[in-house]
C-alpha cells in the first residue's frame, strides 16, 4: 500500500498500491468491496471534499507514469 484516503462520512477507506490497484475497504466488517488495477505504481490518493454535486464519491489517484485518474464511487 502506498497511500490511503478516508472520507468524513463513510465507514470505508480506499488504498492505492505499488501494483497500481485501487481498493475500497469496509473497515468495520474488514472486507474488500472493490478492486481495479491500472498501469504504473500508485503514488498518491486524495478523497475530494463532500459537496452536493459530488456526494463525497470522487477520488483522485496519481501514478508513477504521470497519469492522474479521477475515480467515481457508485
PDB file of N, CA and C in Angstrom:
ATOM      1  N   UNK A   1       0.844  -1.173   0.000  1.00  0.00           N
ATOM      2  CA  UNK A   1       0.000   0.000   0.000  1.00  0.00           C
ATOM      3  C   UNK A   1       0.891   1.239   0.000  1.00  0.00           C
ATOM      4  N   UNK A   2       0.573   2.166  -0.893  1.00  0.00           N
ATOM      5  CA  UNK A   2       1.350   3.398  -0.990  1.00  0.00           C
ATOM      6  C   UNK A   2       0.651   4.582  -0.328  1.00  0.00           C
ATOM      7  N   UNK A   3      -0.690   4.627  -0.422  1.00  0.00           N
ATOM      8  CA  UNK A   3      -1.420   5.734   0.175  1.00  0.00           C
ATOM      9  C   UNK A   3      -2.824   5.266   0.533  1.00  0.00           C
ATOM     10  N   UNK A   4      -3.449   5.979   1.452  1.00  0.00           N
ATOM     11  CA  UNK A   4      -4.797   5.654   1.908  1.00  0.00           C
ATOM     12  C   UNK A   4      -5.596   6.947   2.020  1.00  0.00           C
ATOM     13  N   UNK A   5      -6.888   6.864   1.698  1.00  0.00           N
ATOM     14  CA  UNK A   5      -7.784   8.007   1.843  1.00  0.00           C
ATOM     15  C   UNK A   5      -9.026   7.543   2.595  1.00  0.00           C
ATOM     16  N   UNK A   6      -9.437   8.335   3.582  1.00  0.00           N
ATOM     17  CA  UNK A   6     -10.596   8.007   4.408  1.00  0.00           C
ATOM     18  C   UNK A   6     -11.557   9.193   4.380  1.00  0.00           C
ATOM     19  N   UNK A   7     -12.821   8.965   4.037  1.00  0.00           N
ATOM     20  CA  UNK A   7     -13.790  10.074   3.987  1.00  0.00           C
ATOM     21  C   UNK A   7     -14.309  10.417   5.382  1.00  0.00           C
ATOM     22  N   UNK A   8     -14.950  11.577   5.464  1.00  0.00           N
ATOM     23  CA  UNK A   8     -15.508  12.025   6.742  1.00  0.00           C
ATOM     24  C   UNK A   8     -16.794  11.305   7.113  1.00  0.00           C
ATOM     25  N   UNK A   9     -17.641  10.986   6.125  1.00  0.00           N
ATOM     26  CA  UNK A   9     -18.981  10.499   6.431  1.00  0.00           C
ATOM     27  C   UNK A   9     -19.227   9.015   6.201  1.00  0.00           C
ATOM     28  N   UNK A  10     -18.244   8.269   5.733  1.00  0.00           N
ATOM     29  CA  UNK A  10     -18.455   6.856   5.440  1.00  0.00           C
ATOM     30  C   UNK A  10     -17.522   5.977   6.265  1.00  0.00           C
ATOM     31  N   UNK A  11     -17.924   4.727   6.477  1.00  0.00           N
ATOM     32  CA  UNK A  11     -17.095   3.758   7.202  1.00  0.00           C
ATOM     33  C   UNK A  11     -16.297   2.917   6.218  1.00  0.00           C
ATOM     34  N   UNK A  12     -15.469   3.583   5.438  1.00  0.00           N
ATOM     35  CA  UNK A  12     -14.673   2.870   4.461  1.00  0.00           C
ATOM     36  C   UNK A  12     -13.356   3.605   4.245  1.00  0.00           C
ATOM     37  N   UNK A  13     -12.483   2.966   3.503  1.00  0.00           N
ATOM     38  CA  UNK A  13     -11.199   3.559   3.150  1.00  0.00           C
ATOM     39  C   UNK A  13     -10.844   3.083   1.749  1.00  0.00           C
ATOM     40  N   UNK A  14     -10.068   3.879   1.039  1.00  0.00           N
ATOM     41  CA  UNK A  14      -9.582   3.498  -0.282  1.00  0.00           C
ATOM     42  C   UNK A  14      -8.060   3.533  -0.237  1.00  0.00           C
ATOM     43  N   UNK A  15      -7.444   2.503  -0.807  1.00  0.00           N
ATOM     44  CA  UNK A  15      -5.986   2.436  -0.849  1.00  0.00           C
ATOM     45  C   UNK A  15      -5.522   2.342  -2.299  1.00  0.00           C
ATOM     46  N   UNK A  16      -4.299   2.799  -2.534  1.00  0.00           N
ATOM     47  CA  UNK A  16      -3.645   2.623  -3.825  1.00  0.00           C
ATOM     48  C   UNK A  16      -2.292   1.979  -3.545  1.00  0.00           C
ATOM     49  N   UNK A  17      -1.909   1.015  -4.383  1.00  0.00           N
ATOM     50  CA  UNK A  17      -0.697   0.257  -4.096  1.00  0.00           C
ATOM     51  C   UNK A  17       0.361   0.349  -5.172  1.00  0.00           C
ATOM     52  N   UNK A  18       1.503  -0.263  -4.881  1.00  0.00           N
ATOM     53  CA  UNK A  18       2.607  -0.318  -5.829  1.00  0.00           C
ATOM     54  C   UNK A  18       2.247  -1.112  -7.073  1.00  0.00           C
ATOM     55  N   UNK A  19       1.273  -2.009  -6.958  1.00  0.00           N
ATOM     56  CA  UNK A  19       0.826  -2.797  -8.102  1.00  0.00           C
ATOM     57  C   UNK A  19      -0.162  -2.032  -8.981  1.00  0.00           C
ATOM     58  N   UNK A  20      -0.499  -0.797  -8.607  1.00  0.00           N
ATOM     59  CA  UNK A  20      -1.417   0.027  -9.383  1.00  0.00           C
ATOM     60  C   UNK A  20      -2.880  -0.192  -9.049  1.00  0.00           C
ATOM     61  N   UNK A  21      -3.157  -1.056  -8.086  1.00  0.00           N
ATOM     62  CA  UNK A  21      -4.542  -1.387  -7.736  1.00  0.00           C
ATOM     63  C   UNK A  21      -5.130  -0.356  -6.773  1.00  0.00           C
ATOM     64  N   UNK A  22      -6.380   0.003  -7.052  1.00  0.00           N
ATOM     65  CA  UNK A  22      -7.172   0.847  -6.154  1.00  0.00           C
ATOM     66  C   UNK A  22      -8.183  -0.075  -5.498  1.00  0.00           C
ATOM     67  N   UNK A  23      -8.217  -0.048  -4.169  1.00  0.00           N
ATOM     68  CA  UNK A  23      -9.118  -0.944  -3.437  1.00  0.00           C
ATOM     69  C   UNK A  23     -10.007  -0.153  -2.482  1.00  0.00           C
ATOM     70  N   UNK A  24     -11.282  -0.539  -2.423  1.00  0.00           N
ATOM     71  CA  UNK A  24     -12.248   0.038  -1.490  1.00  0.00           C
ATOM     72  C   UNK A  24     -12.462  -0.966  -0.371  1.00  0.00           C
ATOM     73  N   UNK A  25     -12.250  -0.516   0.858  1.00  0.00           N
ATOM     74  CA  UNK A  25     -12.343  -1.376   2.037  1.00  0.00           C
ATOM     75  C   UNK A  25     -13.451  -0.904   2.963  1.00  0.00           C
ATOM     76  N   UNK A  26     -14.214  -1.835   3.483  1.00  0.00           N
ATOM     77  CA  UNK A  26     -15.132  -1.582   4.596  1.00  0.00           C
ATOM     78  C   UNK A  26     -14.364  -1.986   5.844  1.00  0.00           C
ATOM     79  N   UNK A  27     -13.858  -1.000   6.581  1.00  0.00           N
ATOM     80  CA  UNK A  27     -13.001  -1.348   7.725  1.00  0.00           C
ATOM     81  C   UNK A  27     -13.784  -1.792   8.946  1.00  0.00           C
ATOM     82  N   UNK A  28     -15.089  -1.575   8.983  1.00  0.00           N
ATOM     83  CA  UNK A  28     -15.898  -2.079  10.095  1.00  0.00           C
ATOM     84  C   UNK A  28     -16.047  -3.595   9.985  1.00  0.00           C
ATOM     85  N   UNK A  29     -16.323  -4.074   8.760  1.00  0.00           N
ATOM     86  CA  UNK A  29     -16.500  -5.507   8.528  1.00  0.00           C
ATOM     87  C   UNK A  29     -15.230  -6.187   8.028  1.00  0.00           C
ATOM     88  N   UNK A  30     -14.130  -5.455   7.920  1.00  0.00           N
ATOM     89  CA  UNK A  30     -12.833  -5.980   7.454  1.00  0.00           C
ATOM     90  C   UNK A  30     -12.987  -6.727   6.134  1.00  0.00           C
ATOM     91  N   UNK A  31     -13.589  -6.030   5.137  1.00  0.00           N
ATOM     92  CA  UNK A  31     -13.877  -6.665   3.855  1.00  0.00           C
ATOM     93  C   UNK A  31     -13.502  -5.750   2.697  1.00  0.00           C
ATOM     94  N   UNK A  32     -12.905  -6.321   1.674  1.00  0.00           N
ATOM     95  CA  UNK A  32     -12.606  -5.577   0.451  1.00  0.00           C
ATOM     96  C   UNK A  32     -13.828  -5.641  -0.459  1.00  0.00           C
ATOM     97  N   UNK A  33     -14.346  -4.472  -0.863  1.00  0.00           N
ATOM     98  CA  UNK A  33     -15.542  -4.429  -1.698  1.00  0.00           C
ATOM     99  C   UNK A  33     -15.251  -4.238  -3.174  1.00  0.00           C
ATOM    100  N   UNK A  34     -14.133  -3.628  -3.505  1.00  0.00           N
ATOM    101  CA  UNK A  34     -13.872  -3.299  -4.901  1.00  0.00           C
ATOM    102  C   UNK A  34     -12.370  -3.260  -5.140  1.00  0.00           C
ATOM    103  N   UNK A  35     -11.956  -3.702  -6.323  1.00  0.00           N
ATOM    104  CA  UNK A  35     -10.544  -3.621  -6.714  1.00  0.00           C
ATOM    105  C   UNK A  35     -10.475  -3.400  -8.216  1.00  0.00           C
ATOM    106  N   UNK A  36      -9.643  -2.439  -8.594  1.00  0.00           N
ATOM    107  CA  UNK A  36      -9.385  -2.205 -10.016  1.00  0.00           C
ATOM    108  C   UNK A  36      -7.915  -1.846 -10.174  1.00  0.00           C
ATOM    109  N   UNK A  37      -7.270  -2.477 -11.151  1.00  0.00           N
ATOM    110  CA  UNK A  37      -5.848  -2.251 -11.372  1.00  0.00           C
ATOM    111  C   UNK A  37      -5.622  -1.366 -12.585  1.00  0.00           C
ATOM    112  N   UNK A  38      -4.606  -0.507 -12.474  1.00  0.00           N
ATOM    113  CA  UNK A  38      -4.194   0.370 -13.557  1.00  0.00           C
ATOM    114  C   UNK A  38      -2.693   0.197 -13.757  1.00  0.00           C
ATOM    115  N   UNK A  39      -2.184   0.603 -14.921  1.00  0.00           N
ATOM    116  CA  UNK A  39      -0.745   0.511 -15.192  1.00  0.00           C
ATOM    117  C   UNK A  39       0.010   1.546 -14.368  1.00  0.00           C
ATOM    118  N   UNK A  40       1.203   1.175 -13.942  1.00  0.00           N
ATOM    119  CA  UNK A  40       2.036   2.066 -13.148  1.00  0.00           C
ATOM    120  C   UNK A  40       1.858   1.831 -11.661  1.00  0.00           C
ATOM    121  N   UNK A  41       2.768   2.371 -10.886  1.00  0.00           N
ATOM    122  CA  UNK A  41       2.676   2.276  -9.430  1.00  0.00           C
ATOM    123  C   UNK A  41       1.864   3.444  -8.897  1.00  0.00           C
ATOM    124  N   UNK A  42       0.964   3.171  -7.978  1.00  0.00           N
ATOM    125  CA  UNK A  42       0.223   4.237  -7.330  1.00  0.00           C
ATOM    126  C   UNK A  42       1.146   5.057  -6.448  1.00  0.00           C
ATOM    127  N   UNK A  43       1.026   6.376  -6.503  1.00  0.00           N
ATOM    128  CA  UNK A  43       1.899   7.226  -5.696  1.00  0.00           C
ATOM    129  C   UNK A  43       1.127   8.038  -4.665  1.00  0.00           C
ATOM    130  N   UNK A  44      -0.088   8.475  -5.002  1.00  0.00           N
ATOM    131  CA  UNK A  44      -0.849   9.294  -4.057  1.00  0.00           C
ATOM    132  C   UNK A  44      -2.335   9.122  -4.308  1.00  0.00           C
ATOM    133  N   UNK A  45      -3.118   9.456  -3.304  1.00  0.00           N
ATOM    134  CA  UNK A  45      -4.560   9.297  -3.359  1.00  0.00           C
ATOM    135  C   UNK A  45      -5.196  10.393  -2.530  1.00  0.00           C
ATOM    136  N   UNK A  46      -6.234  11.021  -3.051  1.00  0.00           N
ATOM    137  CA  UNK A  46      -6.920  12.093  -2.328  1.00  0.00           C
ATOM    138  C   UNK A  46      -8.426  11.946  -2.524  1.00  0.00           C
ATOM    139  N   UNK A  47      -9.170  12.038  -1.424  1.00  0.00           N
ATOM    140  CA  UNK A  47     -10.623  11.988  -1.471  1.00  0.00           C
ATOM    141  C   UNK A  47     -11.108  13.433  -1.484  1.00  0.00           C
ATOM    142  N   UNK A  48     -11.869  13.815  -2.517  1.00  0.00           N
ATOM    143  CA  UNK A  48     -12.358  15.185  -2.599  1.00  0.00           C
ATOM    144  C   UNK A  48     -13.381  15.458  -1.507  1.00  0.00           C
ATOM    145  N   UNK A  49     -13.424  16.688  -1.053  1.00  0.00           N
ATOM    146  CA  UNK A  49     -14.369  17.085  -0.004  1.00  0.00           C
ATOM    147  C   UNK A  49     -15.805  16.901  -0.474  1.00  0.00           C
ATOM    148  N   UNK A  50     -16.667  16.590   0.463  1.00  0.00           N
ATOM    149  CA  UNK A  50     -18.083  16.388   0.159  1.00  0.00           C
ATOM    150  C   UNK A  50     -18.715  17.686  -0.330  1.00  0.00           C
ATOM    151  N   UNK A  51     -19.515  17.567  -1.371  1.00  0.00           N
ATOM    152  CA  UNK A  51     -20.347  18.674  -1.839  1.00  0.00           C
ATOM    153  C   UNK A  51     -21.645  18.081  -2.369  1.00  0.00           C
ATOM    154  N   UNK A  52     -22.653  18.919  -2.575  1.00  0.00           N
ATOM    155  CA  UNK A  52     -23.919  18.413  -3.114  1.00  0.00           C
ATOM    156  C   UNK A  52     -23.727  17.806  -4.495  1.00  0.00           C
ATOM    157  N   UNK A  53     -22.788  18.359  -5.240  1.00  0.00           N
ATOM    158  CA  UNK A  53     -22.570  17.901  -6.608  1.00  0.00           C
ATOM    159  C   UNK A  53     -21.880  16.533  -6.661  1.00  0.00           C
ATOM    160  N   UNK A  54     -20.837  16.329  -5.848  1.00  0.00           N
ATOM    161  CA  UNK A  54     -20.098  15.059  -5.933  1.00  0.00           C
ATOM    162  C   UNK A  54     -20.537  14.017  -4.904  1.00  0.00           C
ATOM    163  N   UNK A  55     -21.344  14.405  -3.947  1.00  0.00           N
ATOM    164  CA  UNK A  55     -21.877  13.492  -2.919  1.00  0.00           C
ATOM    165  C   UNK A  55     -20.770  12.745  -2.167  1.00  0.00           C
ATOM    166  N   UNK A  56     -19.551  13.282  -2.162  1.00  0.00           N
ATOM    167  CA  UNK A  56     -18.450  12.645  -1.443  1.00  0.00           C
ATOM    168  C   UNK A  56     -17.962  11.365  -2.073  1.00  0.00           C
ATOM    169  N   UNK A  57     -18.157  11.189  -3.380  1.00  0.00           N
ATOM    170  CA  UNK A  57     -17.812   9.936  -4.045  1.00  0.00           C
ATOM    171  C   UNK A  57     -16.668  10.055  -5.047  1.00  0.00           C
ATOM    172  N   UNK A  58     -15.926  11.144  -5.046  1.00  0.00           N
ATOM    173  CA  UNK A  58     -14.872  11.355  -6.040  1.00  0.00           C
ATOM    174  C   UNK A  58     -13.486  11.285  -5.397  1.00  0.00           C
ATOM    175  N   UNK A  59     -12.614  10.498  -6.002  1.00  0.00           N
ATOM    176  CA  UNK A  59     -11.226  10.367  -5.562  1.00  0.00           C
ATOM    177  C   UNK A  59     -10.302  10.703  -6.725  1.00  0.00           C
ATOM    178  N   UNK A  60      -9.096  11.110  -6.383  1.00  0.00           N
ATOM    179  CA  UNK A  60      -8.065  11.357  -7.379  1.00  0.00           C
ATOM    180  C   UNK A  60      -6.871  10.496  -7.020  1.00  0.00           C
ATOM    181  N   UNK A  61      -6.395   9.706  -7.992  1.00  0.00           N
ATOM    182  CA  UNK A  61      -5.252   8.821  -7.784  1.00  0.00           C
ATOM    183  C   UNK A  61      -4.129   9.210  -8.737  1.00  0.00           C
ATOM    184  N   UNK A  62      -2.915   9.333  -8.206  1.00  0.00           N
ATOM    185  CA  UNK A  62      -1.743   9.651  -9.019  1.00  0.00           C
ATOM    186  C   UNK A  62      -0.869   8.427  -9.198  1.00  0.00           C
ATOM    187  N   UNK A  63      -0.236   8.335 -10.378  1.00  0.00           N
ATOM    188  CA  UNK A  63       0.589   7.168 -10.711  1.00  0.00           C
ATOM    189  C   UNK A  63       1.981   7.585 -11.152  1.00  0.00           C
ATOM    190  N   UNK A  64       2.920   6.660 -11.045  1.00  0.00           N
ATOM    191  CA  UNK A  64       4.315   6.920 -11.395  1.00  0.00           C
ATOM    192  C   UNK A  64       4.490   7.217 -12.883  1.00  0.00           C
ATOM    193  N   UNK A  65       3.522   6.872 -13.691  1.00  0.00           N
ATOM    194  CA  UNK A  65       3.561   7.124 -15.123  1.00  0.00           C
ATOM    195  C   UNK A  65       3.218   8.573 -15.460  1.00  0.00           C
ATOM    196  N   UNK A  66       2.811   9.337 -14.445  1.00  0.00           N
ATOM    197  CA  UNK A  66       2.405  10.724 -14.657  1.00  0.00           C
ATOM    198  C   UNK A  66       0.915  10.882 -14.872  1.00  0.00           C
ATOM    199  N   UNK A  67       0.195   9.804 -14.878  1.00  0.00           N
ATOM    200  CA  UNK A  67      -1.250   9.830 -15.101  1.00  0.00           C
ATOM    201  C   UNK A  67      -1.961  10.131 -13.781  1.00  0.00           C
ATOM    202  N   UNK A  68      -2.974  10.977 -13.854  1.00  0.00           N
ATOM    203  CA  UNK A  68      -3.844  11.271 -12.716  1.00  0.00           C
ATOM    204  C   UNK A  68      -5.232  10.782 -13.093  1.00  0.00           C
ATOM    205  N   UNK A  69      -5.798   9.941 -12.274  1.00  0.00           N
ATOM    206  CA  UNK A  69      -7.122   9.373 -12.562  1.00  0.00           C
ATOM    207  C   UNK A  69      -8.150   9.907 -11.581  1.00  0.00           C
ATOM    208  N   UNK A  70      -9.298  10.298 -12.117  1.00  0.00           N
ATOM    209  CA  UNK A  70     -10.446  10.681 -11.315  1.00  0.00           C
ATOM    210  C   UNK A  70     -11.338   9.468 -11.208  1.00  0.00           C
ATOM    211  N   UNK A  71     -11.659   9.070 -10.001  1.00  0.00           N
ATOM    212  CA  UNK A  71     -12.460   7.871  -9.768  1.00  0.00           C
ATOM    213  C   UNK A  71     -13.763   8.249  -9.097  1.00  0.00           C
ATOM    214  N   UNK A  72     -14.859   7.709  -9.584  1.00  0.00           N
ATOM    215  CA  UNK A  72     -16.185   7.944  -9.022  1.00  0.00           C
ATOM    216  C   UNK A  72     -16.707   6.660  -8.421  1.00  0.00           C
ATOM    217  N   UNK A  73     -17.037   6.680  -7.151  1.00  0.00           N
ATOM    218  CA  UNK A  73     -17.601   5.508  -6.479  1.00  0.00           C
ATOM    219  C   UNK A  73     -19.117   5.515  -6.649  1.00  0.00           C
ATOM    220  N   UNK A  74     -19.651   4.467  -7.199  1.00  0.00           N
ATOM    221  CA  UNK A  74     -21.102   4.324  -7.363  1.00  0.00           C
ATOM    222  C   UNK A  74     -21.588   3.103  -6.645  1.00  0.00           C
TER     223      UNK A  74
END
